[in-house]
Amino acid sequence: MKDFRELQVWHKAHKLALEVYKVSALFPKEEIYGLTSQVRRAAVSIATNIAEGCGRGSKKELKQFLQISMGSASEVEYQILLSHELGYMDSTAFGKLDSGIQEVKKMLSSYIVKIN
């Protein structure tokens, strides 16, 4: 068992989720139960699965939850691209979020390899 708060990747994923909440607050109100909800859930899922994996008893389980986090990061990656192309966020916000997602995905990938 490992304290997830000690992991840099968790801190980056948490920061990303906070940013997604800020940016998605500006989405059209008709998206509250659609894209806004989806992108928020997926963003929160990244850090949540890192935390859950750290609370499990084996490296195999930790790796499984990190892979789920990677899947959630890919979801967010697409959802912010869609949001940007729909005009729900400007290029600056998109660039910042996309950069954060790429960083988290690289960190997750490295951590997954390290666990093996």
PDB file of N, CA and C in Angstrom:
ATOM      1  N   MET A   1       0.848  -1.178   0.000  1.00  0.00           N
ATOM      2  CA  MET A   1       0.000   0.000   0.000  1.00  0.00           C
ATOM      3  C   MET A   1       0.894   1.242   0.000  1.00  0.00           C
ATOM      4  N   LYS A   2       0.538   2.210  -0.818  1.00  0.00           N
ATOM      5  CA  LYS A   2       1.337   3.414  -0.996  1.00  0.00           C
ATOM      6  C   LYS A   2       0.429   4.632  -0.831  1.00  0.00           C
ATOM      7  N   ASP A   3       0.960   5.714  -0.260  1.00  0.00           N
ATOM      8  CA  ASP A   3       0.190   6.942  -0.111  1.00  0.00           C
ATOM      9  C   ASP A   3       0.170   7.676  -1.452  1.00  0.00           C
ATOM     10  N   PHE A   4      -1.003   7.760  -2.070  1.00  0.00           N
ATOM     11  CA  PHE A   4      -1.115   8.382  -3.390  1.00  0.00           C
ATOM     12  C   PHE A   4      -0.669   9.836  -3.384  1.00  0.00           C
ATOM     13  N   ARG A   5      -0.788  10.507  -2.242  1.00  0.00           N
ATOM     14  CA  ARG A   5      -0.397  11.922  -2.151  1.00  0.00           C
ATOM     15  C   ARG A   5       1.105  12.132  -2.341  1.00  0.00           C
ATOM     16  N   GLU A   6       1.870  11.076  -2.237  1.00  0.00           N
ATOM     17  CA  GLU A   6       3.318  11.153  -2.440  1.00  0.00           C
ATOM     18  C   GLU A   6       3.704  11.074  -3.915  1.00  0.00           C
ATOM     19  N   LEU A   7       2.744  10.730  -4.777  1.00  0.00           N
ATOM     20  CA  LEU A   7       3.038  10.540  -6.197  1.00  0.00           C
ATOM     21  C   LEU A   7       2.847  11.840  -6.979  1.00  0.00           C
ATOM     22  N   GLN A   8       3.874  12.215  -7.705  1.00  0.00           N
ATOM     23  CA  GLN A   8       3.804  13.417  -8.536  1.00  0.00           C
ATOM     24  C   GLN A   8       2.708  13.290  -9.599  1.00  0.00           C
ATOM     25  N   VAL A   9       2.538  12.089 -10.149  1.00  0.00           N
ATOM     26  CA  VAL A   9       1.517  11.884 -11.172  1.00  0.00           C
ATOM     27  C   VAL A   9       0.121  12.137 -10.598  1.00  0.00           C
ATOM     28  N   TRP A  10      -0.107  11.773  -9.342  1.00  0.00           N
ATOM     29  CA  TRP A  10      -1.408  12.048  -8.730  1.00  0.00           C
ATOM     30  C   TRP A  10      -1.613  13.560  -8.607  1.00  0.00           C
ATOM     31  N   HIS A  11      -0.584  14.286  -8.179  1.00  0.00           N
ATOM     32  CA  HIS A  11      -0.698  15.742  -8.040  1.00  0.00           C
ATOM     33  C   HIS A  11      -1.014  16.393  -9.387  1.00  0.00           C
ATOM     34  N   LYS A  12      -0.361  15.933 -10.451  1.00  0.00           N
ATOM     35  CA  LYS A  12      -0.615  16.475 -11.796  1.00  0.00           C
ATOM     36  C   LYS A  12      -2.044  16.149 -12.241  1.00  0.00           C
ATOM     37  N   ALA A  13      -2.494  14.936 -11.962  1.00  0.00           N
ATOM     38  CA  ALA A  13      -3.849  14.527 -12.341  1.00  0.00           C
ATOM     39  C   ALA A  13      -4.894  15.317 -11.552  1.00  0.00           C
ATOM     40  N   HIS A  14      -4.625  15.571 -10.292  1.00  0.00           N
ATOM     41  CA  HIS A  14      -5.529  16.361  -9.455  1.00  0.00           C
ATOM     42  C   HIS A  14      -5.624  17.793  -9.981  1.00  0.00           C
ATOM     43  N   LYS A  15      -4.483  18.372 -10.295  1.00  0.00           N
ATOM     44  CA  LYS A  15      -4.446  19.729 -10.852  1.00  0.00           C
ATOM     45  C   LYS A  15      -5.214  19.786 -12.183  1.00  0.00           C
ATOM     46  N   LEU A  16      -5.049  18.757 -12.996  1.00  0.00           N
ATOM     47  CA  LEU A  16      -5.774  18.685 -14.263  1.00  0.00           C
ATOM     48  C   LEU A  16      -7.286  18.658 -14.030  1.00  0.00           C
ATOM     49  N   ALA A  17      -7.738  17.869 -13.066  1.00  0.00           N
ATOM     50  CA  ALA A  17      -9.170  17.796 -12.765  1.00  0.00           C
ATOM     51  C   ALA A  17      -9.698  19.160 -12.332  1.00  0.00           C
ATOM     52  N   LEU A  18      -8.944  19.868 -11.511  1.00  0.00           N
ATOM     53  CA  LEU A  18      -9.358  21.211 -11.085  1.00  0.00           C
ATOM     54  C   LEU A  18      -9.483  22.151 -12.284  1.00  0.00           C
ATOM     55  N   GLU A  19      -8.533  22.076 -13.201  1.00  0.00           N
ATOM     56  CA  GLU A  19      -8.567  22.918 -14.408  1.00  0.00           C
ATOM     57  C   GLU A  19      -9.757  22.567 -15.296  1.00  0.00           C
ATOM     58  N   VAL A  20     -10.036  21.272 -15.436  1.00  0.00           N
ATOM     59  CA  VAL A  20     -11.181  20.843 -16.243  1.00  0.00           C
ATOM     60  C   VAL A  20     -12.475  21.407 -15.646  1.00  0.00           C
ATOM     61  N   TYR A  21     -12.600  21.384 -14.335  1.00  0.00           N
ATOM     62  CA  TYR A  21     -13.790  21.956 -13.695  1.00  0.00           C
ATOM     63  C   TYR A  21     -13.919  23.444 -13.992  1.00  0.00           C
ATOM     64  N   LYS A  22     -12.806  24.174 -13.913  1.00  0.00           N
ATOM     65  CA  LYS A  22     -12.845  25.622 -14.179  1.00  0.00           C
ATOM     66  C   LYS A  22     -13.256  25.916 -15.619  1.00  0.00           C
ATOM     67  N   VAL A  23     -12.622  25.237 -16.552  1.00  0.00           N
ATOM     68  CA  VAL A  23     -12.902  25.492 -17.964  1.00  0.00           C
ATOM     69  C   VAL A  23     -14.319  25.052 -18.328  1.00  0.00           C
ATOM     70  N   SER A  24     -14.731  23.897 -17.849  1.00  0.00           N
ATOM     71  CA  SER A  24     -16.055  23.374 -18.220  1.00  0.00           C
ATOM     72  C   SER A  24     -17.192  24.161 -17.576  1.00  0.00           C
ATOM     73  N   ALA A  25     -16.891  24.957 -16.566  1.00  0.00           N
ATOM     74  CA  ALA A  25     -17.925  25.821 -15.972  1.00  0.00           C
ATOM     75  C   ALA A  25     -18.419  26.852 -16.979  1.00  0.00           C
ATOM     76  N   LEU A  26     -17.634  27.085 -18.014  1.00  0.00           N
ATOM     77  CA  LEU A  26     -18.000  28.058 -19.046  1.00  0.00           C
ATOM     78  C   LEU A  26     -18.727  27.425 -20.231  1.00  0.00           C
ATOM     79  N   PHE A  27     -18.898  26.112 -20.221  1.00  0.00           N
ATOM     80  CA  PHE A  27     -19.609  25.433 -21.303  1.00  0.00           C
ATOM     81  C   PHE A  27     -21.074  25.878 -21.299  1.00  0.00           C
ATOM     82  N   PRO A  28     -21.762  25.736 -22.433  1.00  0.00           N
ATOM     83  CA  PRO A  28     -23.189  26.092 -22.483  1.00  0.00           C
ATOM     84  C   PRO A  28     -23.998  25.287 -21.457  1.00  0.00           C
ATOM     85  N   LYS A  29     -24.985  25.915 -20.906  1.00  0.00           N
ATOM     86  CA  LYS A  29     -25.813  25.274 -19.873  1.00  0.00           C
ATOM     87  C   LYS A  29     -26.507  24.007 -20.380  1.00  0.00           C
ATOM     88  N   GLU A  30     -26.806  23.949 -21.671  1.00  0.00           N
ATOM     89  CA  GLU A  30     -27.469  22.747 -22.197  1.00  0.00           C
ATOM     90  C   GLU A  30     -26.537  21.527 -22.203  1.00  0.00           C
ATOM     91  N   GLU A  31     -25.251  21.741 -21.947  1.00  0.00           N
ATOM     92  CA  GLU A  31     -24.281  20.642 -21.878  1.00  0.00           C
ATOM     93  C   GLU A  31     -24.070  20.113 -20.458  1.00  0.00           C
ATOM     94  N   ILE A  32     -24.772  20.677 -19.474  1.00  0.00           N
ATOM     95  CA  ILE A  32     -24.543  20.312 -18.068  1.00  0.00           C
ATOM     96  C   ILE A  32     -24.684  18.806 -17.834  1.00  0.00           C
ATOM     97  N   TYR A  33     -25.614  18.161 -18.510  1.00  0.00           N
ATOM     98  CA  TYR A  33     -25.795  16.716 -18.340  1.00  0.00           C
ATOM     99  C   TYR A  33     -25.147  15.924 -19.470  1.00  0.00           C
ATOM    100  N   GLY A  34     -24.466  16.620 -20.366  1.00  0.00           N
ATOM    101  CA  GLY A  34     -23.799  15.976 -21.489  1.00  0.00           C
ATOM    102  C   GLY A  34     -22.294  16.072 -21.346  1.00  0.00           C
ATOM    103  N   LEU A  35     -21.708  16.857 -22.224  1.00  0.00           N
ATOM    104  CA  LEU A  35     -20.252  16.947 -22.295  1.00  0.00           C
ATOM    105  C   LEU A  35     -19.621  17.480 -21.008  1.00  0.00           C
ATOM    106  N   THR A  36     -20.251  18.442 -20.366  1.00  0.00           N
ATOM    107  CA  THR A  36     -19.700  18.977 -19.108  1.00  0.00           C
ATOM    108  C   THR A  36     -19.554  17.873 -18.073  1.00  0.00           C
ATOM    109  N   SER A  37     -20.609  17.112 -17.893  1.00  0.00           N
ATOM    110  CA  SER A  37     -20.591  16.019 -16.922  1.00  0.00           C
ATOM    111  C   SER A  37     -19.581  14.938 -17.316  1.00  0.00           C
ATOM    112  N   GLN A  38     -19.536  14.593 -18.594  1.00  0.00           N
ATOM    113  CA  GLN A  38     -18.629  13.537 -19.045  1.00  0.00           C
ATOM    114  C   GLN A  38     -17.169  13.897 -18.848  1.00  0.00           C
ATOM    115  N   VAL A  39     -16.777  15.099 -19.255  1.00  0.00           N
ATOM    116  CA  VAL A  39     -15.375  15.486 -19.164  1.00  0.00           C
ATOM    117  C   VAL A  39     -14.953  15.629 -17.702  1.00  0.00           C
ATOM    118  N   ARG A  40     -15.856  16.098 -16.861  1.00  0.00           N
ATOM    119  CA  ARG A  40     -15.541  16.201 -15.432  1.00  0.00           C
ATOM    120  C   ARG A  40     -15.349  14.831 -14.805  1.00  0.00           C
ATOM    121  N   ARG A  41     -16.265  13.912 -15.101  1.00  0.00           N
ATOM    122  CA  ARG A  41     -16.146  12.557 -14.536  1.00  0.00           C
ATOM    123  C   ARG A  41     -14.872  11.872 -14.991  1.00  0.00           C
ATOM    124  N   ALA A  42     -14.547  12.011 -16.263  1.00  0.00           N
ATOM    125  CA  ALA A  42     -13.335  11.373 -16.790  1.00  0.00           C
ATOM    126  C   ALA A  42     -12.082  11.990 -16.166  1.00  0.00           C
ATOM    127  N   ALA A  43     -12.071  13.309 -15.990  1.00  0.00           N
ATOM    128  CA  ALA A  43     -10.912  13.982 -15.386  1.00  0.00           C
ATOM    129  C   ALA A  43     -10.718  13.542 -13.938  1.00  0.00           C
ATOM    130  N   VAL A  44     -11.799  13.461 -13.202  1.00  0.00           N
ATOM    131  CA  VAL A  44     -11.726  13.022 -11.803  1.00  0.00           C
ATOM    132  C   VAL A  44     -11.295  11.560 -11.729  1.00  0.00           C
ATOM    133  N   SER A  45     -11.709  10.767 -12.703  1.00  0.00           N
ATOM    134  CA  SER A  45     -11.380   9.349 -12.731  1.00  0.00           C
ATOM    135  C   SER A  45      -9.875   9.092 -12.816  1.00  0.00           C
ATOM    136  N   ILE A  46      -9.139   9.993 -13.438  1.00  0.00           N
ATOM    137  CA  ILE A  46      -7.688   9.799 -13.567  1.00  0.00           C
ATOM    138  C   ILE A  46      -7.058   9.730 -12.175  1.00  0.00           C
ATOM    139  N   ALA A  47      -7.254  10.787 -11.387  1.00  0.00           N
ATOM    140  CA  ALA A  47      -6.661  10.839 -10.042  1.00  0.00           C
ATOM    141  C   ALA A  47      -7.299   9.808  -9.106  1.00  0.00           C
ATOM    142  N   THR A  48      -8.588   9.570  -9.265  1.00  0.00           N
ATOM    143  CA  THR A  48      -9.294   8.611  -8.414  1.00  0.00           C
ATOM    144  C   THR A  48      -8.714   7.204  -8.571  1.00  0.00           C
ATOM    145  N   ASN A  49      -8.468   6.796  -9.804  1.00  0.00           N
ATOM    146  CA  ASN A  49      -7.936   5.448 -10.035  1.00  0.00           C
ATOM    147  C   ASN A  49      -6.489   5.315  -9.592  1.00  0.00           C
ATOM    148  N   ILE A  50      -5.723   6.388  -9.665  1.00  0.00           N
ATOM    149  CA  ILE A  50      -4.367   6.350  -9.107  1.00  0.00           C
ATOM    150  C   ILE A  50      -4.465   6.112  -7.600  1.00  0.00           C
ATOM    151  N   ALA A  51      -5.346   6.864  -6.947  1.00  0.00           N
ATOM    152  CA  ALA A  51      -5.521   6.721  -5.498  1.00  0.00           C
ATOM    153  C   ALA A  51      -6.004   5.319  -5.136  1.00  0.00           C
ATOM    154  N   GLU A  52      -6.985   4.809  -5.877  1.00  0.00           N
ATOM    155  CA  GLU A  52      -7.499   3.478  -5.570  1.00  0.00           C
ATOM    156  C   GLU A  52      -6.434   2.408  -5.780  1.00  0.00           C
ATOM    157  N   GLY A  53      -5.670   2.525  -6.842  1.00  0.00           N
ATOM    158  CA  GLY A  53      -4.596   1.570  -7.099  1.00  0.00           C
ATOM    159  C   GLY A  53      -3.572   1.542  -5.980  1.00  0.00           C
ATOM    160  N   CYS A  54      -3.270   2.723  -5.437  1.00  0.00           N
ATOM    161  CA  CYS A  54      -2.314   2.805  -4.327  1.00  0.00           C
ATOM    162  C   CYS A  54      -2.852   2.142  -3.067  1.00  0.00           C
ATOM    163  N   GLY A  55      -4.155   2.067  -2.947  1.00  0.00           N
ATOM    164  CA  GLY A  55      -4.772   1.451  -1.783  1.00  0.00           C
ATOM    165  C   GLY A  55      -4.930  -0.051  -1.899  1.00  0.00           C
ATOM    166  N   ARG A  56      -4.598  -0.592  -3.043  1.00  0.00           N
ATOM    167  CA  ARG A  56      -4.699  -2.033  -3.257  1.00  0.00           C
ATOM    168  C   ARG A  56      -3.456  -2.738  -2.737  1.00  0.00           C
ATOM    169  N   GLY A  57      -3.529  -4.050  -2.661  1.00  0.00           N
ATOM    170  CA  GLY A  57      -2.473  -4.816  -2.005  1.00  0.00           C
ATOM    171  C   GLY A  57      -1.352  -5.338  -2.872  1.00  0.00           C
ATOM    172  N   SER A  58      -1.446  -5.161  -4.178  1.00  0.00           N
ATOM    173  CA  SER A  58      -0.399  -5.753  -5.017  1.00  0.00           C
ATOM    174  C   SER A  58      -0.014  -4.810  -6.155  1.00  0.00           C
ATOM    175  N   LYS A  59       1.162  -5.065  -6.702  1.00  0.00           N
ATOM    176  CA  LYS A  59       1.633  -4.302  -7.860  1.00  0.00           C
ATOM    177  C   LYS A  59       0.731  -4.550  -9.064  1.00  0.00           C
ATOM    178  N   LYS A  60       0.240  -5.786  -9.182  1.00  0.00           N
ATOM    179  CA  LYS A  60      -0.639  -6.126 -10.301  1.00  0.00           C
ATOM    180  C   LYS A  60      -1.906  -5.268 -10.280  1.00  0.00           C
ATOM    181  N   GLU A  61      -2.490  -5.121  -9.084  1.00  0.00           N
ATOM    182  CA  GLU A  61      -3.694  -4.300  -8.966  1.00  0.00           C
ATOM    183  C   GLU A  61      -3.385  -2.826  -9.195  1.00  0.00           C
ATOM    184  N   LEU A  62      -2.261  -2.351  -8.662  1.00  0.00           N
ATOM    185  CA  LEU A  62      -1.860  -0.964  -8.892  1.00  0.00           C
ATOM    186  C   LEU A  62      -1.728  -0.710 -10.391  1.00  0.00           C
ATOM    187  N   LYS A  63      -1.058  -1.606 -11.082  1.00  0.00           N
ATOM    188  CA  LYS A  63      -0.878  -1.456 -12.529  1.00  0.00           C
ATOM    189  C   LYS A  63      -2.224  -1.410 -13.252  1.00  0.00           C
ATOM    190  N   GLN A  64      -3.148  -2.264 -12.850  1.00  0.00           N
ATOM    191  CA  GLN A  64      -4.474  -2.298 -13.467  1.00  0.00           C
ATOM    192  C   GLN A  64      -5.171  -0.939 -13.314  1.00  0.00           C
ATOM    193  N   PHE A  65      -5.108  -0.347 -12.123  1.00  0.00           N
ATOM    194  CA  PHE A  65      -5.773   0.942 -11.900  1.00  0.00           C
ATOM    195  C   PHE A  65      -5.050   2.083 -12.610  1.00  0.00           C
ATOM    196  N   LEU A  66      -3.741   1.980 -12.760  1.00  0.00           N
ATOM    197  CA  LEU A  66      -3.008   2.986 -13.534  1.00  0.00           C
ATOM    198  C   LEU A  66      -3.396   2.906 -15.010  1.00  0.00           C
ATOM    199  N   GLN A  67      -3.633   1.702 -15.493  1.00  0.00           N
ATOM    200  CA  GLN A  67      -4.082   1.540 -16.882  1.00  0.00           C
ATOM    201  C   GLN A  67      -5.491   2.110 -17.070  1.00  0.00           C
ATOM    202  N   ILE A  68      -6.335   1.958 -16.078  1.00  0.00           N
ATOM    203  CA  ILE A  68      -7.666   2.572 -16.132  1.00  0.00           C
ATOM    204  C   ILE A  68      -7.527   4.092 -16.158  1.00  0.00           C
ATOM    205  N   SER A  69      -6.601   4.625 -15.350  1.00  0.00           N
ATOM    206  CA  SER A  69      -6.328   6.057 -15.357  1.00  0.00           C
ATOM    207  C   SER A  69      -5.896   6.529 -16.738  1.00  0.00           C
ATOM    208  N   MET A  70      -5.065   5.735 -17.398  1.00  0.00           N
ATOM    209  CA  MET A  70      -4.613   6.072 -18.744  1.00  0.00           C
ATOM    210  C   MET A  70      -5.805   6.135 -19.703  1.00  0.00           C
ATOM    211  N   GLY A  71      -6.719   5.202 -19.577  1.00  0.00           N
ATOM    212  CA  GLY A  71      -7.920   5.224 -20.407  1.00  0.00           C
ATOM    213  C   GLY A  71      -8.747   6.472 -20.160  1.00  0.00           C
ATOM    214  N   SER A  72      -8.883   6.851 -18.908  1.00  0.00           N
ATOM    215  CA  SER A  72      -9.626   8.069 -18.570  1.00  0.00           C
ATOM    216  C   SER A  72      -8.932   9.309 -19.128  1.00  0.00           C
ATOM    217  N   ALA A  73      -7.607   9.315 -19.086  1.00  0.00           N
ATOM    218  CA  ALA A  73      -6.851  10.447 -19.648  1.00  0.00           C
ATOM    219  C   ALA A  73      -7.102  10.562 -21.152  1.00  0.00           C
ATOM    220  N   SER A  74      -7.183   9.429 -21.829  1.00  0.00           N
ATOM    221  CA  SER A  74      -7.486   9.452 -23.265  1.00  0.00           C
ATOM    222  C   SER A  74      -8.905   9.966 -23.520  1.00  0.00           C
ATOM    223  N   GLU A  75      -9.842   9.606 -22.647  1.00  0.00           N
ATOM    224  CA  GLU A  75     -11.202  10.136 -22.750  1.00  0.00           C
ATOM    225  C   GLU A  75     -11.193  11.658 -22.649  1.00  0.00           C
ATOM    226  N   VAL A  76     -10.506  12.173 -21.641  1.00  0.00           N
ATOM    227  CA  VAL A  76     -10.433  13.622 -21.447  1.00  0.00           C
ATOM    228  C   VAL A  76      -9.769  14.275 -22.657  1.00  0.00           C
ATOM    229  N   GLU A  77      -8.734  13.641 -23.161  1.00  0.00           N
ATOM    230  CA  GLU A  77      -8.023  14.177 -24.327  1.00  0.00           C
ATOM    231  C   GLU A  77      -8.993  14.400 -25.492  1.00  0.00           C
ATOM    232  N   TYR A  78      -9.815  13.392 -25.769  1.00  0.00           N
ATOM    233  CA  TYR A  78     -10.793  13.545 -26.847  1.00  0.00           C
ATOM    234  C   TYR A  78     -11.876  14.565 -26.491  1.00  0.00           C
ATOM    235  N   GLN A  79     -12.376  14.507 -25.282  1.00  0.00           N
ATOM    236  CA  GLN A  79     -13.478  15.389 -24.899  1.00  0.00           C
ATOM    237  C   GLN A  79     -13.091  16.867 -24.934  1.00  0.00           C
ATOM    238  N   ILE A  80     -11.847  17.183 -24.571  1.00  0.00           N
ATOM    239  CA  ILE A  80     -11.450  18.592 -24.664  1.00  0.00           C
ATOM    240  C   ILE A  80     -11.226  18.995 -26.123  1.00  0.00           C
ATOM    241  N   LEU A  81     -10.754  18.059 -26.950  1.00  0.00           N
ATOM    242  CA  LEU A  81     -10.629  18.344 -28.380  1.00  0.00           C
ATOM    243  C   LEU A  81     -12.008  18.659 -28.964  1.00  0.00           C
ATOM    244  N   LEU A  82     -12.983  17.821 -28.657  1.00  0.00           N
ATOM    245  CA  LEU A  82     -14.351  18.040 -29.120  1.00  0.00           C
ATOM    246  C   LEU A  82     -14.883  19.376 -28.610  1.00  0.00           C
ATOM    247  N   SER A  83     -14.665  19.643 -27.329  1.00  0.00           N
ATOM    248  CA  SER A  83     -15.138  20.902 -26.733  1.00  0.00           C
ATOM    249  C   SER A  83     -14.528  22.110 -27.430  1.00  0.00           C
ATOM    250  N   HIS A  84     -13.248  22.011 -27.717  1.00  0.00           N
ATOM    251  CA  HIS A  84     -12.557  23.106 -28.421  1.00  0.00           C
ATOM    252  C   HIS A  84     -13.142  23.303 -29.813  1.00  0.00           C
ATOM    253  N   GLU A  85     -13.323  22.198 -30.539  1.00  0.00           N
ATOM    254  CA  GLU A  85     -13.842  22.289 -31.908  1.00  0.00           C
ATOM    255  C   GLU A  85     -15.303  22.729 -31.951  1.00  0.00           C
ATOM    256  N   LEU A  86     -16.036  22.509 -30.876  1.00  0.00           N
ATOM    257  CA  LEU A  86     -17.410  23.008 -30.788  1.00  0.00           C
ATOM    258  C   LEU A  86     -17.458  24.479 -30.362  1.00  0.00           C
ATOM    259  N   GLY A  87     -16.293  25.025 -30.022  1.00  0.00           N
ATOM    260  CA  GLY A  87     -16.231  26.429 -29.629  1.00  0.00           C
ATOM    261  C   GLY A  87     -16.540  26.675 -28.167  1.00  0.00           C
ATOM    262  N   TYR A  88     -16.469  25.622 -27.344  1.00  0.00           N
ATOM    263  CA  TYR A  88     -16.775  25.764 -25.924  1.00  0.00           C
ATOM    264  C   TYR A  88     -15.583  26.258 -25.112  1.00  0.00           C
ATOM    265  N   MET A  89     -14.376  26.196 -25.700  1.00  0.00           N
ATOM    266  CA  MET A  89     -13.190  26.723 -25.021  1.00  0.00           C
ATOM    267  C   MET A  89     -12.265  27.338 -26.067  1.00  0.00           C
ATOM    268  N   ASP A  90     -11.520  28.327 -25.631  1.00  0.00           N
ATOM    269  CA  ASP A  90     -10.596  28.980 -26.563  1.00  0.00           C
ATOM    270  C   ASP A  90      -9.304  28.177 -26.690  1.00  0.00           C
ATOM    271  N   SER A  91      -8.460  28.611 -27.614  1.00  0.00           N
ATOM    272  CA  SER A  91      -7.217  27.893 -27.897  1.00  0.00           C
ATOM    273  C   SER A  91      -6.257  27.887 -26.720  1.00  0.00           C
ATOM    274  N   THR A  92      -6.265  28.949 -25.928  1.00  0.00           N
ATOM    275  CA  THR A  92      -5.378  29.014 -24.765  1.00  0.00           C
ATOM    276  C   THR A  92      -5.762  27.956 -23.736  1.00  0.00           C
ATOM    277  N   ALA A  93      -7.053  27.879 -23.413  1.00  0.00           N
ATOM    278  CA  ALA A  93      -7.529  26.879 -22.447  1.00  0.00           C
ATOM    279  C   ALA A  93      -7.291  25.474 -22.982  1.00  0.00           C
ATOM    280  N   PHE A  94      -7.567  25.274 -24.270  1.00  0.00           N
ATOM    281  CA  PHE A  94      -7.352  23.961 -24.870  1.00  0.00           C
ATOM    282  C   PHE A  94      -5.880  23.565 -24.781  1.00  0.00           C
ATOM    283  N   GLY A  95      -5.004  24.484 -25.134  1.00  0.00           N
ATOM    284  CA  GLY A  95      -3.567  24.199 -25.099  1.00  0.00           C
ATOM    285  C   GLY A  95      -3.089  23.828 -23.709  1.00  0.00           C
ATOM    286  N   LYS A  96      -3.566  24.556 -22.719  1.00  0.00           N
ATOM    287  CA  LYS A  96      -3.173  24.286 -21.331  1.00  0.00           C
ATOM    288  C   LYS A  96      -3.657  22.909 -20.883  1.00  0.00           C
ATOM    289  N   LEU A  97      -4.907  22.599 -21.173  1.00  0.00           N
ATOM    290  CA  LEU A  97      -5.447  21.295 -20.786  1.00  0.00           C
ATOM    291  C   LEU A  97      -4.773  20.167 -21.557  1.00  0.00           C
ATOM    292  N   ASP A  98      -4.585  20.357 -22.854  1.00  0.00           N
ATOM    293  CA  ASP A  98      -3.958  19.309 -23.655  1.00  0.00           C
ATOM    294  C   ASP A  98      -2.535  19.043 -23.185  1.00  0.00           C
ATOM    295  N   SER A  99      -1.812  20.085 -22.870  1.00  0.00           N
ATOM    296  CA  SER A  99      -0.451  19.923 -22.357  1.00  0.00           C
ATOM    297  C   SER A  99      -0.454  19.149 -21.037  1.00  0.00           C
ATOM    298  N   GLY A 100      -1.402  19.470 -20.170  1.00  0.00           N
ATOM    299  CA  GLY A 100      -1.524  18.760 -18.894  1.00  0.00           C
ATOM    300  C   GLY A 100      -1.852  17.293 -19.080  1.00  0.00           C
ATOM    301  N   ILE A 101      -2.735  17.002 -20.025  1.00  0.00           N
ATOM    302  CA  ILE A 101      -3.096  15.604 -20.299  1.00  0.00           C
ATOM    303  C   ILE A 101      -1.895  14.832 -20.833  1.00  0.00           C
ATOM    304  N   GLN A 102      -1.157  15.437 -21.757  1.00  0.00           N
ATOM    305  CA  GLN A 102       0.012  14.756 -22.322  1.00  0.00           C
ATOM    306  C   GLN A 102       1.036  14.449 -21.231  1.00  0.00           C
ATOM    307  N   GLU A 103       1.232  15.403 -20.320  1.00  0.00           N
ATOM    308  CA  GLU A 103       2.176  15.197 -19.225  1.00  0.00           C
ATOM    309  C   GLU A 103       1.727  14.054 -18.316  1.00  0.00           C
ATOM    310  N   VAL A 104       0.447  14.043 -17.959  1.00  0.00           N
ATOM    311  CA  VAL A 104      -0.085  12.978 -17.104  1.00  0.00           C
ATOM    312  C   VAL A 104       0.038  11.625 -17.799  1.00  0.00           C
ATOM    313  N   LYS A 105      -0.273  11.558 -19.081  1.00  0.00           N
ATOM    314  CA  LYS A 105      -0.183  10.293 -19.804  1.00  0.00           C
ATOM    315  C   LYS A 105       1.255   9.777 -19.858  1.00  0.00           C
ATOM    316  N   LYS A 106       2.212  10.659 -20.068  1.00  0.00           N
ATOM    317  CA  LYS A 106       3.617  10.243 -20.076  1.00  0.00           C
ATOM    318  C   LYS A 106       4.041   9.732 -18.701  1.00  0.00           C
ATOM    319  N   MET A 107       3.611  10.430 -17.657  1.00  0.00           N
ATOM    320  CA  MET A 107       3.961  10.016 -16.292  1.00  0.00           C
ATOM    321  C   MET A 107       3.321   8.673 -15.955  1.00  0.00           C
ATOM    322  N   LEU A 108       2.065   8.495 -16.336  1.00  0.00           N
ATOM    323  CA  LEU A 108       1.396   7.212 -16.097  1.00  0.00           C
ATOM    324  C   LEU A 108       2.107   6.088 -16.839  1.00  0.00           C
ATOM    325  N   SER A 109       2.443   6.328 -18.088  1.00  0.00           N
ATOM    326  CA  SER A 109       3.130   5.317 -18.885  1.00  0.00           C
ATOM    327  C   SER A 109       4.458   4.912 -18.238  1.00  0.00           C
ATOM    328  N   SER A 110       5.219   5.891 -17.792  1.00  0.00           N
ATOM    329  CA  SER A 110       6.497   5.607 -17.128  1.00  0.00           C
ATOM    330  C   SER A 110       6.297   4.816 -15.840  1.00  0.00           C
ATOM    331  N   TYR A 111       5.292   5.195 -15.086  1.00  0.00           N
ATOM    332  CA  TYR A 111       5.031   4.509 -13.811  1.00  0.00           C
ATOM    333  C   TYR A 111       4.592   3.068 -14.059  1.00  0.00           C
ATOM    334  N   ILE A 112       3.765   2.861 -15.065  1.00  0.00           N
ATOM    335  CA  ILE A 112       3.310   1.504 -15.411  1.00  0.00           C
ATOM    336  C   ILE A 112       4.508   0.624 -15.771  1.00  0.00           C
ATOM    337  N   VAL A 113       5.423   1.157 -16.564  1.00  0.00           N
ATOM    338  CA  VAL A 113       6.632   0.408 -16.952  1.00  0.00           C
ATOM    339  C   VAL A 113       7.492   0.120 -15.730  1.00  0.00           C
ATOM    340  N   LYS A 114       7.610   1.100 -14.856  1.00  0.00           N
ATOM    341  CA  LYS A 114       8.437   0.960 -13.643  1.00  0.00           C
ATOM    342  C   LYS A 114       7.915  -0.145 -12.716  1.00  0.00           C
ATOM    343  N   ILE A 115       6.621  -0.328 -12.671  1.00  0.00           N
ATOM    344  CA  ILE A 115       6.010  -1.331 -11.793  1.00  0.00           C
ATOM    345  C   ILE A 115       6.359  -2.747 -12.229  1.00  0.00           C
ATOM    346  N   ASN A 116       6.513  -2.966 -13.517  1.00  0.00           N
ATOM    347  CA  ASN A 116       6.787  -4.322 -14.032  1.00  0.00           C
ATOM    348  C   ASN A 116       8.031  -4.941 -13.460  1.00  0.00           C
TER     349      ASN A 116
END
